[in-house]
Amino acid sequence: MEVRLVSRQDHHVGLWAYDAQGRRSHDLDMRLLDDPSRLLRRYSVSWHCTGPETAEFDKACPRITVDLMQEHQRLHGDVLTGLRAPPEPPPSLRPLPHR
């Protein structure tokens, strides 16, 4: 199952996807670009529940997070170990110095 959140006025497209047990498995926040066939993925989280008894958003559940929102400007993944501190972002994602 999925829930689509669309606001053309705000150039926003969102998506929540759920697995067979009804747990949220994906959360996406995208922006419509000037070209109507293109989207910018600003934020996404994918949870990978390890079994049918795993609770939704369990802190031990592996997840992948991509966060490119202007106020955060980071990219971080927790693929195998659950929660951990994000690594240093690549130079292309670091904030520009204030002038």
N, C-alpha and C. Protein backbone atom coordinates (compact mmCIF):
# COMPACT_ATOMS: atom_id res chain seq x y z
N MET A 1 0.84 -1.17 0.00
CA MET A 1 0.00 0.00 0.00
C MET A 1 0.89 1.23 0.00
N GLU A 2 0.39 2.31 -0.56
CA GLU A 2 1.14 3.56 -0.55
C GLU A 2 0.18 4.73 -0.43
N VAL A 3 0.71 5.84 0.09
CA VAL A 3 -0.02 7.09 0.21
C VAL A 3 0.78 8.13 -0.56
N ARG A 4 0.14 8.81 -1.48
CA ARG A 4 0.81 9.85 -2.27
C ARG A 4 0.33 11.22 -1.80
N LEU A 5 1.29 12.11 -1.59
CA LEU A 5 1.01 13.46 -1.13
C LEU A 5 1.50 14.41 -2.23
N VAL A 6 0.58 15.12 -2.87
CA VAL A 6 0.96 15.98 -4.00
C VAL A 6 0.37 17.37 -3.80
N SER A 7 1.22 18.39 -3.94
CA SER A 7 0.79 19.78 -3.93
C SER A 7 1.53 20.51 -5.04
N ARG A 8 0.87 20.67 -6.17
CA ARG A 8 1.52 21.36 -7.30
C ARG A 8 1.84 22.80 -6.95
N GLN A 9 0.99 23.44 -6.17
CA GLN A 9 1.22 24.82 -5.76
C GLN A 9 2.54 24.96 -4.99
N ASP A 10 2.85 23.98 -4.15
CA ASP A 10 4.08 24.00 -3.35
C ASP A 10 5.22 23.23 -4.00
N HIS A 11 5.00 22.69 -5.20
CA HIS A 11 6.00 21.89 -5.93
C HIS A 11 6.43 20.68 -5.10
N HIS A 12 5.50 20.08 -4.38
CA HIS A 12 5.81 18.99 -3.46
C HIS A 12 5.19 17.68 -3.93
N VAL A 13 5.98 16.61 -3.86
CA VAL A 13 5.48 15.25 -4.05
C VAL A 13 6.05 14.41 -2.92
N GLY A 14 5.19 13.73 -2.22
CA GLY A 14 5.61 12.85 -1.14
C GLY A 14 5.04 11.47 -1.34
N LEU A 15 5.67 10.50 -0.72
CA LEU A 15 5.20 9.12 -0.84
C LEU A 15 5.50 8.39 0.46
N TRP A 16 4.51 7.69 0.98
CA TRP A 16 4.70 6.77 2.08
C TRP A 16 4.32 5.40 1.56
N ALA A 17 5.20 4.42 1.73
CA ALA A 17 4.91 3.05 1.30
C ALA A 17 4.91 2.15 2.54
N TYR A 18 4.06 1.14 2.52
CA TYR A 18 3.90 0.24 3.65
C TYR A 18 4.15 -1.20 3.22
N ASP A 19 4.70 -2.01 4.13
CA ASP A 19 4.95 -3.42 3.83
C ASP A 19 3.69 -4.25 4.11
N ALA A 20 3.79 -5.57 3.95
CA ALA A 20 2.64 -6.47 4.11
C ALA A 20 2.08 -6.46 5.53
N GLN A 21 2.90 -6.12 6.53
CA GLN A 21 2.44 -6.06 7.92
C GLN A 21 1.87 -4.69 8.28
N GLY A 22 1.83 -3.76 7.33
CA GLY A 22 1.28 -2.43 7.58
C GLY A 22 2.26 -1.45 8.20
N ARG A 23 3.56 -1.80 8.21
CA ARG A 23 4.59 -0.89 8.74
C ARG A 23 5.09 0.00 7.61
N ARG A 24 5.37 1.25 7.94
CA ARG A 24 5.91 2.14 6.91
C ARG A 24 7.30 1.64 6.53
N SER A 25 7.54 1.46 5.23
CA SER A 25 8.83 0.97 4.75
C SER A 25 9.60 2.04 3.99
N HIS A 26 8.91 3.06 3.49
CA HIS A 26 9.57 4.14 2.74
C HIS A 26 8.86 5.46 3.03
N ASP A 27 9.64 6.53 3.12
CA ASP A 27 9.13 7.88 3.28
C ASP A 27 9.95 8.75 2.35
N LEU A 28 9.31 9.36 1.35
CA LEU A 28 10.01 10.18 0.37
C LEU A 28 9.46 11.59 0.35
N ASP A 29 10.33 12.58 0.21
CA ASP A 29 9.96 13.98 0.04
C ASP A 29 10.68 14.47 -1.20
N MET A 30 9.92 14.85 -2.23
CA MET A 30 10.52 15.28 -3.49
C MET A 30 9.95 16.64 -3.90
N ARG A 31 10.66 17.31 -4.77
CA ARG A 31 10.22 18.60 -5.31
C ARG A 31 10.11 18.50 -6.81
N LEU A 32 9.03 19.10 -7.34
CA LEU A 32 8.86 19.19 -8.78
C LEU A 32 9.82 20.24 -9.32
N LEU A 33 10.54 19.92 -10.37
CA LEU A 33 11.47 20.86 -10.99
C LEU A 33 10.78 21.56 -12.16
N ASP A 34 11.47 22.51 -12.79
CA ASP A 34 10.89 23.24 -13.91
C ASP A 34 10.49 22.31 -15.05
N ASP A 35 11.26 21.27 -15.26
CA ASP A 35 10.93 20.25 -16.26
C ASP A 35 9.94 19.29 -15.59
N PRO A 36 8.68 19.23 -16.06
CA PRO A 36 7.68 18.41 -15.37
C PRO A 36 7.97 16.92 -15.33
N SER A 37 8.94 16.46 -16.10
CA SER A 37 9.29 15.03 -16.08
C SER A 37 10.38 14.72 -15.04
N ARG A 38 10.83 15.73 -14.29
CA ARG A 38 11.93 15.52 -13.34
C ARG A 38 11.51 15.88 -11.93
N LEU A 39 12.04 15.12 -10.97
CA LEU A 39 11.83 15.36 -9.54
C LEU A 39 13.17 15.42 -8.84
N LEU A 40 13.27 16.19 -7.79
CA LEU A 40 14.45 16.23 -6.93
C LEU A 40 14.08 15.51 -5.63
N ARG A 41 14.80 14.46 -5.31
CA ARG A 41 14.57 13.75 -4.05
C ARG A 41 15.31 14.50 -2.95
N ARG A 42 14.57 15.16 -2.07
CA ARG A 42 15.16 15.95 -1.00
C ARG A 42 15.41 15.12 0.25
N TYR A 43 14.54 14.16 0.50
CA TYR A 43 14.66 13.38 1.72
C TYR A 43 14.01 12.02 1.50
N SER A 44 14.67 10.98 1.96
CA SER A 44 14.05 9.66 1.91
C SER A 44 14.60 8.80 3.03
N VAL A 45 13.73 7.93 3.53
CA VAL A 45 14.11 6.93 4.52
C VAL A 45 13.51 5.61 4.07
N SER A 46 14.32 4.56 4.11
CA SER A 46 13.85 3.21 3.83
C SER A 46 14.19 2.34 5.04
N TRP A 47 13.17 1.73 5.63
CA TRP A 47 13.37 0.84 6.75
C TRP A 47 13.34 -0.59 6.24
N HIS A 48 14.22 -1.43 6.74
CA HIS A 48 14.30 -2.83 6.33
C HIS A 48 14.08 -3.69 7.57
N CYS A 49 12.82 -3.99 7.85
CA CYS A 49 12.49 -4.79 9.02
C CYS A 49 13.04 -6.20 8.85
N THR A 50 13.65 -6.71 9.90
CA THR A 50 14.34 -8.00 9.82
C THR A 50 13.41 -9.20 9.97
N GLY A 51 12.16 -8.98 10.34
CA GLY A 51 11.21 -10.08 10.46
C GLY A 51 9.80 -9.56 10.64
N PRO A 52 8.81 -10.43 10.54
CA PRO A 52 7.42 -9.98 10.64
C PRO A 52 7.06 -9.47 12.04
N GLU A 53 7.81 -9.85 13.06
CA GLU A 53 7.52 -9.39 14.42
C GLU A 53 8.22 -8.07 14.77
N THR A 54 9.09 -7.57 13.89
CA THR A 54 9.81 -6.33 14.15
C THR A 54 8.83 -5.16 14.16
N ALA A 55 8.92 -4.32 15.18
CA ALA A 55 8.02 -3.17 15.30
C ALA A 55 8.38 -2.09 14.28
N GLU A 56 7.37 -1.32 13.89
CA GLU A 56 7.59 -0.20 12.98
C GLU A 56 8.55 0.79 13.64
N PHE A 57 9.53 1.27 12.91
CA PHE A 57 10.52 2.25 13.36
C PHE A 57 11.40 1.73 14.51
N ASP A 58 11.55 0.42 14.64
CA ASP A 58 12.42 -0.17 15.66
C ASP A 58 13.83 0.40 15.48
N LYS A 59 14.43 0.89 16.56
CA LYS A 59 15.76 1.52 16.46
C LYS A 59 16.85 0.54 16.02
N ALA A 60 16.64 -0.76 16.21
CA ALA A 60 17.61 -1.76 15.77
C ALA A 60 17.40 -2.15 14.30
N CYS A 61 16.34 -1.66 13.71
CA CYS A 61 16.01 -1.99 12.33
C CYS A 61 16.93 -1.22 11.37
N PRO A 62 17.62 -1.91 10.47
CA PRO A 62 18.48 -1.20 9.51
C PRO A 62 17.66 -0.24 8.65
N ARG A 63 18.26 0.89 8.32
CA ARG A 63 17.57 1.87 7.49
C ARG A 63 18.58 2.62 6.64
N ILE A 64 18.10 3.21 5.59
CA ILE A 64 18.92 4.07 4.72
C ILE A 64 18.24 5.43 4.70
N THR A 65 19.00 6.48 4.99
CA THR A 65 18.48 7.84 4.99
C THR A 65 19.28 8.68 4.01
N VAL A 66 18.58 9.39 3.14
CA VAL A 66 19.20 10.37 2.25
C VAL A 66 18.53 11.69 2.57
N ASP A 67 19.31 12.68 3.00
CA ASP A 67 18.77 13.95 3.45
C ASP A 67 19.50 15.07 2.73
N LEU A 68 18.85 15.66 1.75
CA LEU A 68 19.46 16.75 0.98
C LEU A 68 18.70 18.06 1.17
N MET A 69 17.95 18.16 2.25
CA MET A 69 17.21 19.40 2.50
C MET A 69 18.20 20.52 2.80
N GLN A 70 17.87 21.69 2.35
CA GLN A 70 18.78 22.83 2.45
C GLN A 70 19.23 23.08 3.89
N GLU A 71 18.33 22.89 4.85
CA GLU A 71 18.70 23.18 6.23
C GLU A 71 19.57 22.11 6.86
N HIS A 72 19.62 20.90 6.27
CA HIS A 72 20.43 19.82 6.83
C HIS A 72 21.68 19.55 6.02
N GLN A 73 21.55 19.45 4.70
CA GLN A 73 22.66 19.20 3.77
C GLN A 73 23.56 18.06 4.23
N ARG A 74 22.98 16.87 4.31
CA ARG A 74 23.79 15.72 4.67
C ARG A 74 23.27 14.48 3.93
N LEU A 75 24.12 13.52 3.81
CA LEU A 75 23.79 12.24 3.21
C LEU A 75 24.28 11.19 4.19
N HIS A 76 23.40 10.26 4.58
CA HIS A 76 23.84 9.31 5.59
C HIS A 76 23.06 8.02 5.46
N GLY A 77 23.74 6.93 5.65
CA GLY A 77 23.10 5.62 5.54
C GLY A 77 23.41 4.76 6.73
N ASP A 78 22.42 4.03 7.18
CA ASP A 78 22.57 3.10 8.29
C ASP A 78 22.19 1.72 7.78
N VAL A 79 22.92 1.25 6.81
CA VAL A 79 22.51 0.06 6.09
C VAL A 79 22.53 -1.19 6.94
N LEU A 80 23.59 -1.43 7.69
CA LEU A 80 23.74 -2.71 8.38
C LEU A 80 23.58 -2.64 9.89
N THR A 81 23.88 -1.51 10.50
CA THR A 81 24.00 -1.50 11.95
C THR A 81 22.91 -0.74 12.68
N GLY A 82 21.88 -0.31 12.02
CA GLY A 82 20.87 0.50 12.70
C GLY A 82 21.36 1.92 12.85
N LEU A 83 21.16 2.52 14.01
CA LEU A 83 21.51 3.92 14.21
C LEU A 83 23.00 4.12 14.45
N ARG A 84 23.54 5.16 13.87
CA ARG A 84 24.93 5.57 14.12
C ARG A 84 25.08 7.01 13.65
N ALA A 85 26.16 7.63 14.04
CA ALA A 85 26.40 9.02 13.66
C ALA A 85 26.65 9.11 12.16
N PRO A 86 26.13 10.17 11.50
CA PRO A 86 26.36 10.31 10.06
C PRO A 86 27.81 10.61 9.76
N PRO A 87 28.34 10.12 8.64
CA PRO A 87 29.71 10.43 8.26
C PRO A 87 29.82 11.86 7.76
N GLU A 88 31.04 12.33 7.63
CA GLU A 88 31.27 13.66 7.07
C GLU A 88 30.71 13.70 5.64
N PRO A 89 29.90 14.72 5.31
CA PRO A 89 29.32 14.75 3.97
C PRO A 89 30.38 14.99 2.89
N PRO A 90 30.14 14.52 1.68
CA PRO A 90 31.08 14.79 0.59
C PRO A 90 31.12 16.29 0.31
N PRO A 91 32.20 16.79 -0.27
CA PRO A 91 32.33 18.24 -0.52
C PRO A 91 31.15 18.84 -1.27
N SER A 92 30.56 18.09 -2.18
CA SER A 92 29.45 18.64 -2.97
C SER A 92 28.20 18.90 -2.14
N LEU A 93 28.09 18.32 -0.94
CA LEU A 93 26.93 18.50 -0.08
C LEU A 93 27.18 19.38 1.12
N ARG A 94 28.43 19.82 1.31
CA ARG A 94 28.73 20.68 2.46
C ARG A 94 28.19 22.08 2.22
N PRO A 95 27.73 22.74 3.29
CA PRO A 95 27.23 24.10 3.13
C PRO A 95 28.33 25.05 2.64
N LEU A 96 27.94 26.02 1.84
CA LEU A 96 28.90 27.01 1.37
C LEU A 96 29.20 27.98 2.52
N PRO A 97 30.43 28.47 2.61
CA PRO A 97 30.75 29.42 3.67
C PRO A 97 29.98 30.73 3.47
N HIS A 98 29.59 31.34 4.57
CA HIS A 98 28.88 32.63 4.49
C HIS A 98 29.87 33.72 4.13
N ARG A 99 29.43 34.61 3.28
CA ARG A 99 30.29 35.74 2.87
C ARG A 99 29.74 37.04 3.36
